[in-house]
Protein backbone atom coordinates (compact mmCIF):
# COMPACT_ATOMS: atom_id res chain seq x y z
CA MET A 1 182.72 255.58 135.39
CA SER A 2 184.82 258.68 135.99
CA ALA A 3 183.43 262.02 133.97
CA LEU A 4 186.80 262.78 133.48
CA PRO A 5 188.51 261.15 130.30
CA ILE A 6 191.80 259.30 130.86
CA ILE A 7 193.16 260.26 127.56
CA GLU A 8 192.12 263.56 125.11
CA MET A 9 193.70 264.34 122.06
CA ARG A 10 192.94 267.99 120.66
CA LYS A 11 193.09 269.00 117.08
CA ILE A 12 195.74 266.89 116.02
CA ASP A 13 197.69 267.28 112.97
CA LYS A 14 199.97 265.26 111.57
CA HIS A 15 202.10 265.27 107.92
CA PHE A 16 204.65 262.68 106.57
CA GLY A 17 206.05 265.06 103.93
CA ALA A 18 203.22 266.09 101.46
CA VAL A 19 200.82 263.71 102.88
CA HIS A 20 198.56 264.62 105.46
CA ALA A 21 198.01 261.62 107.64
CA LEU A 22 195.60 263.66 110.37
CA ARG A 23 193.64 266.53 110.08
CA ASN A 24 192.68 268.70 113.06
CA ILE A 25 191.53 265.08 115.11
CA ASP A 26 189.45 265.50 118.55
CA PHE A 27 189.32 261.93 120.54
CA HIS A 28 189.34 260.93 124.15
CA LEU A 29 188.91 257.46 125.82
CA MET A 30 187.04 257.16 129.31
CA PRO A 31 188.03 254.92 131.90
CA GLY A 32 187.42 251.32 131.37
CA GLU A 33 185.75 252.14 128.14
CA ILE A 34 186.43 250.05 124.81
CA LEU A 35 186.31 251.97 121.79
CA GLY A 36 186.69 250.66 118.23
CA LEU A 37 188.67 252.87 115.90
CA VAL A 38 187.72 251.99 112.39
CA GLY A 39 188.16 253.10 108.85
CA ASP A 40 190.06 252.15 105.46
CA ASN A 41 193.79 251.29 105.07
CA SER A 42 194.77 255.10 104.89
CA ALA A 43 192.57 256.46 107.35
CA GLY A 44 194.94 257.32 109.96
CA LYS A 45 194.10 254.61 112.78
CA SER A 46 197.40 253.63 113.53
CA THR A 47 199.35 256.78 113.03
CA LEU A 48 196.75 258.54 115.70
CA MET A 49 197.58 255.81 118.10
CA LYS A 50 201.31 256.01 117.40
CA VAL A 51 201.00 259.76 118.11
CA LEU A 52 198.98 258.88 121.30
CA THR A 53 202.12 256.32 122.45
CA GLY A 54 204.98 258.70 121.50
CA ALA A 55 206.12 256.51 118.26
CA TYR A 56 205.41 259.65 116.18
CA GLN A 57 205.62 263.38 116.94
CA ARG A 58 202.65 265.51 116.45
CA ASP A 59 202.96 268.46 114.43
CA SER A 60 199.91 270.33 116.49
CA GLY A 61 197.36 270.01 118.86
CA ASP A 62 197.34 268.70 122.60
CA VAL A 63 197.60 265.39 124.13
CA LEU A 64 195.93 265.08 127.54
CA VAL A 65 196.04 262.65 130.38
CA ASP A 66 193.83 263.07 133.26
CA GLY A 67 193.09 266.57 132.01
CA LYS A 68 196.98 267.79 131.64
CA ILE A 69 198.34 268.13 128.67
CA THR A 70 201.39 265.81 127.94
CA HIS A 71 204.58 265.66 125.64
CA PHE A 72 205.55 262.06 124.78
CA ARG A 73 208.82 262.11 123.43
CA SER A 74 209.02 258.25 123.05
CA PRO A 75 207.05 255.34 124.02
CA GLN A 76 208.48 254.90 127.12
CA ASP A 77 207.23 258.25 128.11
CA SER A 78 203.37 257.05 127.27
CA ARG A 79 204.20 253.45 129.21
CA ASP A 80 205.26 255.69 132.18
CA LEU A 81 201.71 257.05 132.18
CA GLY A 82 199.90 253.99 131.75
CA MET A 83 199.73 253.14 128.03
CA GLU A 84 200.46 249.76 126.37
CA MET A 85 200.07 249.10 122.43
CA ILE A 86 200.18 245.16 121.28
CA TYR A 87 201.15 245.54 117.68
CA GLN A 88 200.12 242.87 115.16
CA ASP A 89 203.20 240.84 114.96
CA PHE A 90 203.16 240.64 118.92
CA ALA A 91 206.93 241.60 119.05
CA LEU A 92 207.98 238.13 120.81
CA CYS A 93 211.25 236.11 121.11
CA GLY A 94 210.00 232.44 119.93
CA ASN A 95 213.21 230.84 121.20
CA MET A 96 212.42 231.82 124.70
CA ASP A 97 209.86 230.44 127.04
CA VAL A 98 206.43 232.42 128.24
CA GLY A 99 207.92 233.62 131.36
CA GLN A 100 211.06 234.99 130.00
CA ASN A 101 209.09 236.97 127.11
CA ILE A 102 206.49 238.44 129.67
CA PHE A 103 209.59 240.11 131.17
CA LEU A 104 211.39 240.43 128.64
CA GLY A 105 214.34 243.55 129.40
CA ARG A 106 213.53 243.76 132.82
CA TRP A 107 213.73 240.47 134.31
CA PRO A 108 213.79 240.42 138.44
CA ARG A 109 217.19 239.78 140.00
CA HIS A 110 219.30 238.73 143.08
CA PHE A 111 221.42 241.34 144.34
CA GLY A 112 220.81 243.11 141.03
CA LEU A 113 223.29 240.11 138.91
CA PHE A 114 221.19 237.35 138.60
CA VAL A 115 218.10 236.40 137.20
CA ASN A 116 215.49 235.71 139.98
CA ARG A 117 213.98 232.84 137.97
CA PRO A 118 211.10 231.74 140.87
CA LYS A 119 210.11 235.26 141.19
CA MET A 120 209.99 235.41 137.61
CA TYR A 121 207.82 232.50 136.71
CA ALA A 122 205.66 232.92 139.83
CA GLU A 123 204.55 236.73 138.84
CA ALA A 124 204.17 235.63 135.24
CA ASN A 125 201.80 233.13 136.53
CA ALA A 126 200.14 235.42 138.32
CA VAL A 127 199.75 237.97 135.20
CA LEU A 128 198.13 234.91 133.27
CA LYS A 129 195.71 234.01 135.93
CA ARG A 130 194.57 237.42 136.41
CA LEU A 131 193.74 237.54 132.65
CA LYS A 132 192.32 233.71 132.86
CA VAL A 133 194.04 232.85 129.61
CA ASP A 134 195.09 229.51 128.56
CA VAL A 135 198.49 228.80 128.38
CA ASN A 136 200.16 225.55 129.27
CA SER A 137 203.05 226.39 131.13
CA VAL A 138 205.30 229.63 131.66
CA PHE A 139 208.39 227.38 130.50
CA GLN A 140 206.88 226.38 127.29
CA LYS A 141 208.75 228.39 124.05
CA VAL A 142 206.92 230.82 122.58
CA GLU A 143 207.59 229.67 118.87
CA SER A 144 205.68 225.91 119.76
CA LEU A 145 202.01 228.06 120.78
CA SER A 146 199.41 228.79 118.25
CA GLY A 147 198.68 232.28 117.29
CA GLY A 148 195.90 232.75 119.77
CA ARG A 149 198.58 231.60 122.52
CA GLN A 150 201.02 233.83 121.43
CA GLN A 151 198.49 236.58 121.38
CA SER A 152 198.13 235.73 125.06
CA VAL A 153 201.52 236.56 126.04
CA ALA A 154 201.92 239.58 124.29
CA ILE A 155 198.87 240.81 126.24
CA ALA A 156 200.05 239.36 129.35
CA ARG A 157 203.53 241.08 128.77
CA ALA A 158 201.49 244.39 128.53
CA ILE A 159 199.56 243.89 131.78
CA SER A 160 202.24 242.88 133.83
CA PHE A 161 202.93 246.98 133.55
CA ASN A 162 199.68 247.36 134.97
CA PRO A 163 198.52 249.89 132.24
CA ARG A 164 195.45 251.72 132.65
CA VAL A 165 194.82 252.02 128.46
CA VAL A 166 195.64 249.03 126.15
CA ILE A 167 195.83 249.63 122.46
CA PHE A 168 195.16 246.47 119.89
CA ASP A 169 196.58 246.71 116.57
CA GLU A 170 194.27 244.61 114.58
CA PRO A 171 194.12 242.05 117.05
CA THR A 172 191.72 239.39 115.66
CA ALA A 173 193.20 239.79 111.71
CA ASN A 174 194.99 236.00 111.71
CA LEU A 175 193.42 234.26 114.31
CA SER A 176 190.83 231.06 114.38
CA VAL A 177 187.27 231.17 115.27
CA MET A 178 188.14 229.71 118.67
CA ALA A 179 191.01 232.39 119.71
CA THR A 180 188.99 235.44 118.82
CA GLU A 181 186.38 234.35 121.04
CA ARG A 182 189.10 233.88 123.88
CA LEU A 183 190.82 237.24 123.01
CA LEU A 184 187.08 239.05 123.24
CA GLU A 185 186.80 237.11 126.59
CA THR A 186 190.31 238.33 127.52
CA MET A 187 189.09 242.42 126.57
CA THR A 188 186.10 241.74 128.57
CA GLU A 189 187.89 240.61 131.47
CA LEU A 190 190.22 243.59 130.95
CA LYS A 191 187.19 245.86 131.20
CA ARG A 192 185.66 244.32 134.13
CA GLN A 193 189.29 245.09 136.01
CA GLY A 194 188.93 248.90 134.89
CA VAL A 195 191.29 248.90 131.95
CA ALA A 196 190.52 251.34 129.02
CA GLN A 197 191.14 250.01 125.75
CA VAL A 198 191.20 250.89 121.67
CA ILE A 199 190.65 248.18 119.19
CA ILE A 200 192.08 248.96 115.87
CA SER A 201 190.36 246.75 113.43
CA HIS A 202 188.27 246.30 110.01
CA ARG A 203 186.16 243.39 111.90
CA LEU A 204 183.08 245.25 112.83
CA THR A 205 181.66 242.00 114.67
CA ASP A 206 184.51 241.93 117.07
CA ILE A 207 183.66 245.69 118.01
CA PHE A 208 180.51 245.13 118.43
CA ALA A 209 180.56 242.44 120.55
CA VAL A 210 182.66 243.86 123.01
CA GLY A 211 182.96 247.64 122.50
CA ASP A 212 181.30 250.63 123.94
CA ARG A 213 181.80 253.16 121.30
CA VAL A 214 183.32 253.31 117.37
CA MET A 215 184.99 256.15 116.24
CA VAL A 216 185.31 256.07 112.29
CA LEU A 217 188.31 257.65 110.33
CA LYS A 218 188.54 258.33 106.45
CA ARG A 219 191.44 260.27 105.38
CA GLY A 220 193.04 261.53 108.38
CA GLN A 221 189.59 263.02 109.58
CA VAL A 222 187.21 262.13 111.92
CA VAL A 223 183.54 261.12 109.90
CA GLY A 224 181.90 259.13 112.75
CA ASP A 225 181.51 258.91 116.56
CA ARG A 226 178.96 256.49 117.95
CA TYR A 227 177.96 254.55 120.79
CA VAL A 228 177.84 250.61 119.78
CA ARG A 229 174.47 250.55 121.25
CA HIS A 230 173.22 253.39 119.09
CA THR A 231 174.27 252.48 115.82
CA THR A 232 174.78 249.50 113.28
CA GLU A 233 177.46 247.78 111.56
CA ARG A 234 175.59 248.48 108.42
CA GLU A 235 175.94 252.29 109.71
CA VAL A 236 179.29 252.29 110.65
CA LEU A 237 180.28 250.52 107.12
CA GLU A 238 178.54 253.10 105.03
CA LEU A 239 180.62 255.92 107.19
CA ILE A 240 183.91 254.20 106.56
CA VAL A 241 183.03 254.02 102.44
CA SER A 242 181.56 257.10 102.26
CA GLY A 243 181.43 259.12 105.34
CA THR A 244 182.36 263.14 105.63
CA ALA A 245 183.72 264.80 108.38
CA GLU A 246 181.80 265.42 111.46
CA THR A 247 182.84 266.44 114.95
CA ALA A 248 183.41 263.90 117.61
CA LEU A 249 181.77 263.33 120.22
CA THR A 250 182.80 265.63 123.50
CA ALA A 251 184.29 264.25 126.50
CA GLU A 252 180.91 265.96 128.11
CA GLN A 253 178.56 264.07 125.58
CA ALA A 254 180.44 261.01 126.42
CA ALA A 255 180.20 261.32 129.90
CA PRO A 256 177.29 258.89 131.47
CA LYS A 257 174.28 260.97 132.41
CA ALA A 258 172.94 261.32 135.68
CA ALA A 259 169.90 258.78 136.28
């Protein structure tokens, strides 16, 4: 694992009118790392990730990618540098099939005019195989799929951009136990392929099942940053409920120590 973080956020502040949503936040993500981002409903988790992906503009602070200060004016800017965010509603078109959804808005074309359907479906199949997900057919309408399989399609669409970082917003909130297990297996597979991930979630069990590190926000501040192997669900829950602000792990502290 490289000692250089893919992403660093330094002293991030964000206001919405009189509401101080993010306060002096330091954040980093290492290559191939799975980070759980937790906190109560007003903690600032989604706001922080929307600043990272260009959906919101920060009021102050720096965002660095591969050590270089970067300014995201839109989500497309962050996508161009390898970041994808998957929201709770999946943002799929139910009346279209799996292949069309994976390449929605960027269908491969013949001579710049006609959709190259054989290429589109072949590439959609390849992405699904890469993820090792169970979708019956790329020709199946998305609206006929279960919630878990619809989420697999949303992940496949994100992975088709060959991202370096995937951010999941409450990914297991509405899934069955079986679908949750499949999703965690997909996350583990992405980790094996070197894709770093951020999981915004209230379900500590899921984070402890696949995560490397967990970061706790409360009222827009970092109140905890722990390696999963060095903490417990109970300790993290106590930080969520009653934690006071502390300094997050630095990138140097997060880097693996030499044997």
